[in-house]
Amino acid sequence: MLLSELPTGALAHVAQLQTRSADLDEAALQRLAELGFLPGEPVQVVQRGPGGREPLAVMVGDALFALRLAEAVCIEVALDGAAKLAEGQA
């Protein structure tokens, strides 16, 4: 699942970074990694911009960042256990 698809409030962790947007190159992925978007780090979309779009307010670890959708589609996440159960019951 991509970070851009993660439901607001759902708990997940970063699985990997991968270029999926023509707007971002390897240097941009490196900057995301330097901000803390590293495999295994906990991540949560806290809030979305107007109309459910961008920017996305994202917690990674203990830090809050605003990301564009072009950045969020480059971050693959995996839902945490409780979130998987809730998603399966919906």
PDB file of N, CA and C in Angstrom:
ATOM      1  N   MET A   1       0.854  -1.171   0.000  1.00  0.00           N
ATOM      2  CA  MET A   1       0.000   0.000   0.000  1.00  0.00           C
ATOM      3  C   MET A   1       0.899   1.233   0.000  1.00  0.00           C
ATOM      4  N   LEU A   2       0.470   2.254  -0.696  1.00  0.00           N
ATOM      5  CA  LEU A   2       1.234   3.495  -0.729  1.00  0.00           C
ATOM      6  C   LEU A   2       0.772   4.421   0.389  1.00  0.00           C
ATOM      7  N   LEU A   3       1.673   5.250   0.866  1.00  0.00           N
ATOM      8  CA  LEU A   3       1.322   6.199   1.918  1.00  0.00           C
ATOM      9  C   LEU A   3       0.155   7.084   1.491  1.00  0.00           C
ATOM     10  N   SER A   4       0.098   7.426   0.218  1.00  0.00           N
ATOM     11  CA  SER A   4      -0.995   8.264  -0.287  1.00  0.00           C
ATOM     12  C   SER A   4      -2.350   7.571  -0.162  1.00  0.00           C
ATOM     13  N   GLU A   5      -2.371   6.236  -0.071  1.00  0.00           N
ATOM     14  CA  GLU A   5      -3.605   5.459   0.042  1.00  0.00           C
ATOM     15  C   GLU A   5      -3.962   5.108   1.480  1.00  0.00           C
ATOM     16  N   LEU A   6      -3.047   5.340   2.399  1.00  0.00           N
ATOM     17  CA  LEU A   6      -3.265   4.984   3.802  1.00  0.00           C
ATOM     18  C   LEU A   6      -4.418   5.809   4.371  1.00  0.00           C
ATOM     19  N   PRO A   7      -5.413   5.154   4.958  1.00  0.00           N
ATOM     20  CA  PRO A   7      -6.518   5.914   5.546  1.00  0.00           C
ATOM     21  C   PRO A   7      -6.029   6.825   6.675  1.00  0.00           C
ATOM     22  N   THR A   8      -6.625   7.969   6.790  1.00  0.00           N
ATOM     23  CA  THR A   8      -6.272   8.911   7.853  1.00  0.00           C
ATOM     24  C   THR A   8      -6.451   8.226   9.212  1.00  0.00           C
ATOM     25  N   GLY A   9      -5.422   8.297  10.029  1.00  0.00           N
ATOM     26  CA  GLY A   9      -5.462   7.723  11.364  1.00  0.00           C
ATOM     27  C   GLY A   9      -4.964   6.291  11.463  1.00  0.00           C
ATOM     28  N   ALA A  10      -4.865   5.585  10.342  1.00  0.00           N
ATOM     29  CA  ALA A  10      -4.400   4.194  10.371  1.00  0.00           C
ATOM     30  C   ALA A  10      -2.912   4.145  10.706  1.00  0.00           C
ATOM     31  N   LEU A  11      -2.535   3.148  11.489  1.00  0.00           N
ATOM     32  CA  LEU A  11      -1.139   2.961  11.869  1.00  0.00           C
ATOM     33  C   LEU A  11      -0.474   1.995  10.907  1.00  0.00           C
ATOM     34  N   ALA A  12       0.726   2.356  10.473  1.00  0.00           N
ATOM     35  CA  ALA A  12       1.483   1.515   9.543  1.00  0.00           C
ATOM     36  C   ALA A  12       2.963   1.719   9.826  1.00  0.00           C
ATOM     37  N   HIS A  13       3.785   1.065   9.040  1.00  0.00           N
ATOM     38  CA  HIS A  13       5.221   1.314   9.094  1.00  0.00           C
ATOM     39  C   HIS A  13       5.749   1.365   7.661  1.00  0.00           C
ATOM     40  N   VAL A  14       6.831   2.078   7.500  1.00  0.00           N
ATOM     41  CA  VAL A  14       7.434   2.233   6.181  1.00  0.00           C
ATOM     42  C   VAL A  14       7.995   0.891   5.739  1.00  0.00           C
ATOM     43  N   ALA A  15       7.649   0.477   4.513  1.00  0.00           N
ATOM     44  CA  ALA A  15       8.183  -0.760   3.953  1.00  0.00           C
ATOM     45  C   ALA A  15       9.386  -0.455   3.063  1.00  0.00           C
ATOM     46  N   GLN A  16       9.234   0.539   2.170  1.00  0.00           N
ATOM     47  CA  GLN A  16      10.338   0.907   1.286  1.00  0.00           C
ATOM     48  C   GLN A  16      10.042   2.223   0.591  1.00  0.00           C
ATOM     49  N   LEU A  17      11.083   2.821   0.048  1.00  0.00           N
ATOM     50  CA  LEU A  17      10.972   4.016  -0.786  1.00  0.00           C
ATOM     51  C   LEU A  17      11.265   3.599  -2.214  1.00  0.00           C
ATOM     52  N   GLN A  18      10.456   4.103  -3.139  1.00  0.00           N
ATOM     53  CA  GLN A  18      10.657   3.749  -4.536  1.00  0.00           C
ATOM     54  C   GLN A  18      10.125   4.889  -5.408  1.00  0.00           C
ATOM     55  N   THR A  19      10.892   5.250  -6.443  1.00  0.00           N
ATOM     56  CA  THR A  19      10.470   6.316  -7.345  1.00  0.00           C
ATOM     57  C   THR A  19       9.248   5.862  -8.117  1.00  0.00           C
ATOM     58  N   ARG A  20       8.142   6.563  -7.940  1.00  0.00           N
ATOM     59  CA  ARG A  20       6.912   6.261  -8.667  1.00  0.00           C
ATOM     60  C   ARG A  20       6.329   7.523  -9.287  1.00  0.00           C
ATOM     61  N   SER A  21       7.056   8.605  -9.199  1.00  0.00           N
ATOM     62  CA  SER A  21       6.572   9.880  -9.708  1.00  0.00           C
ATOM     63  C   SER A  21       7.660  10.511 -10.565  1.00  0.00           C
ATOM     64  N   ALA A  22       7.255  11.023 -11.705  1.00  0.00           N
ATOM     65  CA  ALA A  22       8.213  11.702 -12.585  1.00  0.00           C
ATOM     66  C   ALA A  22       8.742  12.977 -11.937  1.00  0.00           C
ATOM     67  N   ASP A  23       8.017  13.477 -10.934  1.00  0.00           N
ATOM     68  CA  ASP A  23       8.415  14.710 -10.254  1.00  0.00           C
ATOM     69  C   ASP A  23       9.564  14.506  -9.269  1.00  0.00           C
ATOM     70  N   LEU A  24       9.846  13.252  -8.901  1.00  0.00           N
ATOM     71  CA  LEU A  24      10.861  12.983  -7.880  1.00  0.00           C
ATOM     72  C   LEU A  24      11.951  12.074  -8.427  1.00  0.00           C
ATOM     73  N   ASP A  25      13.190  12.384  -8.060  1.00  0.00           N
ATOM     74  CA  ASP A  25      14.328  11.587  -8.479  1.00  0.00           C
ATOM     75  C   ASP A  25      14.957  10.907  -7.262  1.00  0.00           C
ATOM     76  N   GLU A  26      16.083  10.291  -7.455  1.00  0.00           N
ATOM     77  CA  GLU A  26      16.775   9.600  -6.363  1.00  0.00           C
ATOM     78  C   GLU A  26      17.178  10.562  -5.243  1.00  0.00           C
ATOM     79  N   ALA A  27      17.526  11.796  -5.596  1.00  0.00           N
ATOM     80  CA  ALA A  27      17.888  12.786  -4.570  1.00  0.00           C
ATOM     81  C   ALA A  27      16.694  13.080  -3.666  1.00  0.00           C
ATOM     82  N   ALA A  28      15.505  13.131  -4.243  1.00  0.00           N
ATOM     83  CA  ALA A  28      14.300  13.372  -3.437  1.00  0.00           C
ATOM     84  C   ALA A  28      14.032  12.196  -2.509  1.00  0.00           C
ATOM     85  N   LEU A  29      14.254  10.971  -2.999  1.00  0.00           N
ATOM     86  CA  LEU A  29      14.097   9.804  -2.133  1.00  0.00           C
ATOM     87  C   LEU A  29      15.110   9.828  -0.996  1.00  0.00           C
ATOM     88  N   GLN A  30      16.315  10.265  -1.296  1.00  0.00           N
ATOM     89  CA  GLN A  30      17.343  10.381  -0.259  1.00  0.00           C
ATOM     90  C   GLN A  30      16.924  11.393   0.804  1.00  0.00           C
ATOM     91  N   ARG A  31      16.318  12.497   0.386  1.00  0.00           N
ATOM     92  CA  ARG A  31      15.842  13.500   1.357  1.00  0.00           C
ATOM     93  C   ARG A  31      14.738  12.924   2.230  1.00  0.00           C
ATOM     94  N   LEU A  32      13.815  12.144   1.632  1.00  0.00           N
ATOM     95  CA  LEU A  32      12.773  11.495   2.438  1.00  0.00           C
ATOM     96  C   LEU A  32      13.395  10.553   3.463  1.00  0.00           C
ATOM     97  N   ALA A  33      14.401   9.803   3.055  1.00  0.00           N
ATOM     98  CA  ALA A  33      15.091   8.900   3.986  1.00  0.00           C
ATOM     99  C   ALA A  33      15.765   9.693   5.103  1.00  0.00           C
ATOM    100  N   GLU A  34      16.378  10.815   4.757  1.00  0.00           N
ATOM    101  CA  GLU A  34      17.039  11.643   5.771  1.00  0.00           C
ATOM    102  C   GLU A  34      16.044  12.233   6.762  1.00  0.00           C
ATOM    103  N   LEU A  35      14.793  12.442   6.320  1.00  0.00           N
ATOM    104  CA  LEU A  35      13.753  12.950   7.217  1.00  0.00           C
ATOM    105  C   LEU A  35      13.248  11.867   8.170  1.00  0.00           C
ATOM    106  N   GLY A  36      13.539  10.600   7.855  1.00  0.00           N
ATOM    107  CA  GLY A  36      13.131   9.519   8.743  1.00  0.00           C
ATOM    108  C   GLY A  36      12.214   8.494   8.109  1.00  0.00           C
ATOM    109  N   PHE A  37      11.910   8.636   6.831  1.00  0.00           N
ATOM    110  CA  PHE A  37      11.072   7.654   6.146  1.00  0.00           C
ATOM    111  C   PHE A  37      11.938   6.452   5.755  1.00  0.00           C
ATOM    112  N   LEU A  38      12.255   5.657   6.758  1.00  0.00           N
ATOM    113  CA  LEU A  38      13.123   4.491   6.603  1.00  0.00           C
ATOM    114  C   LEU A  38      12.330   3.220   6.890  1.00  0.00           C
ATOM    115  N   PRO A  39      12.682   2.110   6.256  1.00  0.00           N
ATOM    116  CA  PRO A  39      11.972   0.855   6.509  1.00  0.00           C
ATOM    117  C   PRO A  39      11.887   0.538   8.000  1.00  0.00           C
ATOM    118  N   GLY A  40      10.674   0.198   8.424  1.00  0.00           N
ATOM    119  CA  GLY A  40      10.426  -0.152   9.820  1.00  0.00           C
ATOM    120  C   GLY A  40       9.919   0.996  10.669  1.00  0.00           C
ATOM    121  N   GLU A  41      10.072   2.230  10.218  1.00  0.00           N
ATOM    122  CA  GLU A  41       9.633   3.380  11.017  1.00  0.00           C
ATOM    123  C   GLU A  41       8.105   3.464  11.038  1.00  0.00           C
ATOM    124  N   PRO A  42       7.519   3.738  12.211  1.00  0.00           N
ATOM    125  CA  PRO A  42       6.062   3.905  12.272  1.00  0.00           C
ATOM    126  C   PRO A  42       5.636   5.162  11.533  1.00  0.00           C
ATOM    127  N   VAL A  43       4.485   5.075  10.866  1.00  0.00           N
ATOM    128  CA  VAL A  43       3.988   6.192  10.077  1.00  0.00           C
ATOM    129  C   VAL A  43       2.460   6.240  10.178  1.00  0.00           C
ATOM    130  N   GLN A  44       1.939   7.465  10.140  1.00  0.00           N
ATOM    131  CA  GLN A  44       0.496   7.672  10.230  1.00  0.00           C
ATOM    132  C   GLN A  44       0.129   8.957   9.500  1.00  0.00           C
ATOM    133  N   VAL A  45      -0.901   8.896   8.659  1.00  0.00           N
ATOM    134  CA  VAL A  45      -1.441  10.122   8.050  1.00  0.00           C
ATOM    135  C   VAL A  45      -2.367  10.732   9.091  1.00  0.00           C
ATOM    136  N   VAL A  46      -2.030  11.922   9.557  1.00  0.00           N
ATOM    137  CA  VAL A  46      -2.783  12.572  10.622  1.00  0.00           C
ATOM    138  C   VAL A  46      -3.944  13.383  10.048  1.00  0.00           C
ATOM    139  N   GLN A  47      -3.694  14.045   8.924  1.00  0.00           N
ATOM    140  CA  GLN A  47      -4.722  14.897   8.323  1.00  0.00           C
ATOM    141  C   GLN A  47      -4.408  15.102   6.852  1.00  0.00           C
ATOM    142  N   ARG A  48      -5.457  15.335   6.074  1.00  0.00           N
ATOM    143  CA  ARG A  48      -5.303  15.631   4.650  1.00  0.00           C
ATOM    144  C   ARG A  48      -5.748  17.050   4.375  1.00  0.00           C
ATOM    145  N   GLY A  49      -5.229  17.594   3.290  1.00  0.00           N
ATOM    146  CA  GLY A  49      -5.571  18.955   2.912  1.00  0.00           C
ATOM    147  C   GLY A  49      -7.026  19.064   2.480  1.00  0.00           C
ATOM    148  N   PRO A  50      -7.417  20.255   2.032  1.00  0.00           N
ATOM    149  CA  PRO A  50      -8.805  20.494   1.612  1.00  0.00           C
ATOM    150  C   PRO A  50      -9.268  19.480   0.575  1.00  0.00           C
ATOM    151  N   GLY A  51     -10.461  18.968   0.768  1.00  0.00           N
ATOM    152  CA  GLY A  51     -11.015  17.998  -0.158  1.00  0.00           C
ATOM    153  C   GLY A  51     -10.351  16.640  -0.090  1.00  0.00           C
ATOM    154  N   GLY A  52      -9.616  16.369   0.986  1.00  0.00           N
ATOM    155  CA  GLY A  52      -8.942  15.089   1.140  1.00  0.00           C
ATOM    156  C   GLY A  52      -7.708  14.945   0.276  1.00  0.00           C
ATOM    157  N   ARG A  53      -7.178  16.040  -0.222  1.00  0.00           N
ATOM    158  CA  ARG A  53      -6.037  15.998  -1.138  1.00  0.00           C
ATOM    159  C   ARG A  53      -4.752  16.339  -0.396  1.00  0.00           C
ATOM    160  N   GLU A  54      -3.942  17.196  -0.976  1.00  0.00           N
ATOM    161  CA  GLU A  54      -2.655  17.536  -0.372  1.00  0.00           C
ATOM    162  C   GLU A  54      -2.690  18.931   0.234  1.00  0.00           C
ATOM    163  N   PRO A  55      -1.801  19.210   1.137  1.00  0.00           N
ATOM    164  CA  PRO A  55      -0.734  18.336   1.627  1.00  0.00           C
ATOM    165  C   PRO A  55      -1.270  17.311   2.625  1.00  0.00           C
ATOM    166  N   LEU A  56      -0.492  16.272   2.838  1.00  0.00           N
ATOM    167  CA  LEU A  56      -0.794  15.275   3.853  1.00  0.00           C
ATOM    168  C   LEU A  56       0.069  15.579   5.070  1.00  0.00           C
ATOM    169  N   ALA A  57      -0.562  15.669   6.236  1.00  0.00           N
ATOM    170  CA  ALA A  57       0.185  15.810   7.486  1.00  0.00           C
ATOM    171  C   ALA A  57       0.500  14.387   7.943  1.00  0.00           C
ATOM    172  N   VAL A  58       1.793  14.066   8.005  1.00  0.00           N
ATOM    173  CA  VAL A  58       2.231  12.693   8.257  1.00  0.00           C
ATOM    174  C   VAL A  58       3.172  12.659   9.453  1.00  0.00           C
ATOM    175  N   MET A  59       2.881  11.753  10.379  1.00  0.00           N
ATOM    176  CA  MET A  59       3.793  11.487  11.491  1.00  0.00           C
ATOM    177  C   MET A  59       4.678  10.316  11.089  1.00  0.00           C
ATOM    178  N   VAL A  60       5.987  10.511  11.194  1.00  0.00           N
ATOM    179  CA  VAL A  60       6.928   9.413  11.024  1.00  0.00           C
ATOM    180  C   VAL A  60       7.798   9.442  12.266  1.00  0.00           C
ATOM    181  N   GLY A  61       7.770   8.342  13.008  1.00  0.00           N
ATOM    182  CA  GLY A  61       8.424   8.361  14.307  1.00  0.00           C
ATOM    183  C   GLY A  61       7.721   9.394  15.180  1.00  0.00           C
ATOM    184  N   ASP A  62       8.482  10.354  15.710  1.00  0.00           N
ATOM    185  CA  ASP A  62       7.914  11.406  16.553  1.00  0.00           C
ATOM    186  C   ASP A  62       7.837  12.750  15.837  1.00  0.00           C
ATOM    187  N   ALA A  63       8.073  12.773  14.534  1.00  0.00           N
ATOM    188  CA  ALA A  63       8.124  14.029  13.775  1.00  0.00           C
ATOM    189  C   ALA A  63       6.912  14.151  12.854  1.00  0.00           C
ATOM    190  N   LEU A  64       6.440  15.371  12.685  1.00  0.00           N
ATOM    191  CA  LEU A  64       5.302  15.669  11.821  1.00  0.00           C
ATOM    192  C   LEU A  64       5.796  16.411  10.586  1.00  0.00           C
ATOM    193  N   PHE A  65       5.407  15.930   9.404  1.00  0.00           N
ATOM    194  CA  PHE A  65       5.798  16.547   8.135  1.00  0.00           C
ATOM    195  C   PHE A  65       4.580  16.742   7.255  1.00  0.00           C
ATOM    196  N   ALA A  66       4.659  17.733   6.373  1.00  0.00           N
ATOM    197  CA  ALA A  66       3.661  17.925   5.329  1.00  0.00           C
ATOM    198  C   ALA A  66       4.258  17.407   4.030  1.00  0.00           C
ATOM    199  N   LEU A  67       3.563  16.477   3.386  1.00  0.00           N
ATOM    200  CA  LEU A  67       4.048  15.890   2.146  1.00  0.00           C
ATOM    201  C   LEU A  67       3.081  16.164   1.005  1.00  0.00           C
ATOM    202  N   ARG A  68       3.633  16.302  -0.184  1.00  0.00           N
ATOM    203  CA  ARG A  68       2.818  16.368  -1.394  1.00  0.00           C
ATOM    204  C   ARG A  68       2.455  14.936  -1.788  1.00  0.00           C
ATOM    205  N   LEU A  69       1.433  14.786  -2.612  1.00  0.00           N
ATOM    206  CA  LEU A  69       1.061  13.458  -3.083  1.00  0.00           C
ATOM    207  C   LEU A  69       2.190  12.819  -3.880  1.00  0.00           C
ATOM    208  N   ALA A  70       2.942  13.626  -4.632  1.00  0.00           N
ATOM    209  CA  ALA A  70       4.072  13.108  -5.419  1.00  0.00           C
ATOM    210  C   ALA A  70       5.097  12.441  -4.515  1.00  0.00           C
ATOM    211  N   GLU A  71       5.253  12.935  -3.297  1.00  0.00           N
ATOM    212  CA  GLU A  71       6.175  12.322  -2.340  1.00  0.00           C
ATOM    213  C   GLU A  71       5.537  11.096  -1.679  1.00  0.00           C
ATOM    214  N   ALA A  72       4.261  11.218  -1.339  1.00  0.00           N
ATOM    215  CA  ALA A  72       3.573  10.143  -0.627  1.00  0.00           C
ATOM    216  C   ALA A  72       3.447   8.873  -1.465  1.00  0.00           C
ATOM    217  N   VAL A  73       3.361   8.995  -2.800  1.00  0.00           N
ATOM    218  CA  VAL A  73       3.249   7.790  -3.637  1.00  0.00           C
ATOM    219  C   VAL A  73       4.586   7.045  -3.732  1.00  0.00           C
ATOM    220  N   CYS A  74       5.650   7.652  -3.301  1.00  0.00           N
ATOM    221  CA  CYS A  74       6.975   7.010  -3.334  1.00  0.00           C
ATOM    222  C   CYS A  74       7.285   6.249  -2.054  1.00  0.00           C
ATOM    223  N   ILE A  75       6.368   6.306  -1.094  1.00  0.00           N
ATOM    224  CA  ILE A  75       6.578   5.648   0.197  1.00  0.00           C
ATOM    225  C   ILE A  75       5.599   4.489   0.316  1.00  0.00           C
ATOM    226  N   GLU A  76       6.139   3.278   0.266  1.00  0.00           N
ATOM    227  CA  GLU A  76       5.303   2.093   0.430  1.00  0.00           C
ATOM    228  C   GLU A  76       5.222   1.771   1.911  1.00  0.00           C
ATOM    229  N   VAL A  77       4.013   1.480   2.390  1.00  0.00           N
ATOM    230  CA  VAL A  77       3.805   1.193   3.806  1.00  0.00           C
ATOM    231  C   VAL A  77       3.098  -0.147   3.963  1.00  0.00           C
ATOM    232  N   ALA A  78       3.207  -0.703   5.147  1.00  0.00           N
ATOM    233  CA  ALA A  78       2.490  -1.921   5.517  1.00  0.00           C
ATOM    234  C   ALA A  78       1.676  -1.605   6.762  1.00  0.00           C
ATOM    235  N   LEU A  79       0.414  -1.995   6.728  1.00  0.00           N
ATOM    236  CA  LEU A  79      -0.445  -1.756   7.882  1.00  0.00           C
ATOM    237  C   LEU A  79       0.044  -2.550   9.077  1.00  0.00           C
ATOM    238  N   ASP A  80      -0.112  -1.959  10.262  1.00  0.00           N
ATOM    239  CA  ASP A  80       0.221  -2.674  11.493  1.00  0.00           C
ATOM    240  C   ASP A  80      -0.901  -3.644  11.825  1.00  0.00           C
ATOM    241  N   GLY A  81      -0.639  -4.592  12.721  1.00  0.00           N
ATOM    242  CA  GLY A  81      -1.573  -5.679  13.041  1.00  0.00           C
ATOM    243  C   GLY A  81      -2.988  -5.254  13.346  1.00  0.00           C
ATOM    244  N   ALA A  82      -3.192  -4.314  14.272  1.00  0.00           N
ATOM    245  CA  ALA A  82      -4.549  -3.903  14.656  1.00  0.00           C
ATOM    246  C   ALA A  82      -5.268  -3.264  13.482  1.00  0.00           C
ATOM    247  N   ALA A  83      -4.533  -2.503  12.669  1.00  0.00           N
ATOM    248  CA  ALA A  83      -5.142  -1.849  11.511  1.00  0.00           C
ATOM    249  C   ALA A  83      -5.568  -2.893  10.483  1.00  0.00           C
ATOM    250  N   LYS A  84      -4.787  -3.968  10.336  1.00  0.00           N
ATOM    251  CA  LYS A  84      -5.153  -5.045   9.401  1.00  0.00           C
ATOM    252  C   LYS A  84      -6.446  -5.711   9.843  1.00  0.00           C
ATOM    253  N   LEU A  85      -6.580  -5.947  11.153  1.00  0.00           N
ATOM    254  CA  LEU A  85      -7.803  -6.574  11.669  1.00  0.00           C
ATOM    255  C   LEU A  85      -9.008  -5.692  11.406  1.00  0.00           C
ATOM    256  N   ALA A  86      -8.880  -4.407  11.686  1.00  0.00           N
ATOM    257  CA  ALA A  86      -9.989  -3.477  11.474  1.00  0.00           C
ATOM    258  C   ALA A  86     -10.359  -3.400  10.003  1.00  0.00           C
ATOM    259  N   GLU A  87      -9.360  -3.401   9.132  1.00  0.00           N
ATOM    260  CA  GLU A  87      -9.619  -3.324   7.698  1.00  0.00           C
ATOM    261  C   GLU A  87     -10.327  -4.600   7.227  1.00  0.00           C
ATOM    262  N   GLY A  88      -9.953  -5.742   7.760  1.00  0.00           N
ATOM    263  CA  GLY A  88     -10.567  -7.006   7.385  1.00  0.00           C
ATOM    264  C   GLY A  88     -12.009  -7.121   7.840  1.00  0.00           C
ATOM    265  N   GLN A  89     -12.384  -6.426   8.920  1.00  0.00           N
ATOM    266  CA  GLN A  89     -13.741  -6.466   9.438  1.00  0.00           C
ATOM    267  C   GLN A  89     -14.634  -5.459   8.749  1.00  0.00           C
ATOM    268  N   ALA A  90     -14.059  -4.497   8.038  1.00  0.00           N
ATOM    269  CA  ALA A  90     -14.872  -3.466   7.383  1.00  0.00           C
ATOM    270  C   ALA A  90     -15.530  -3.994   6.134  1.00  0.00           C
TER     271      ALA A  90
END
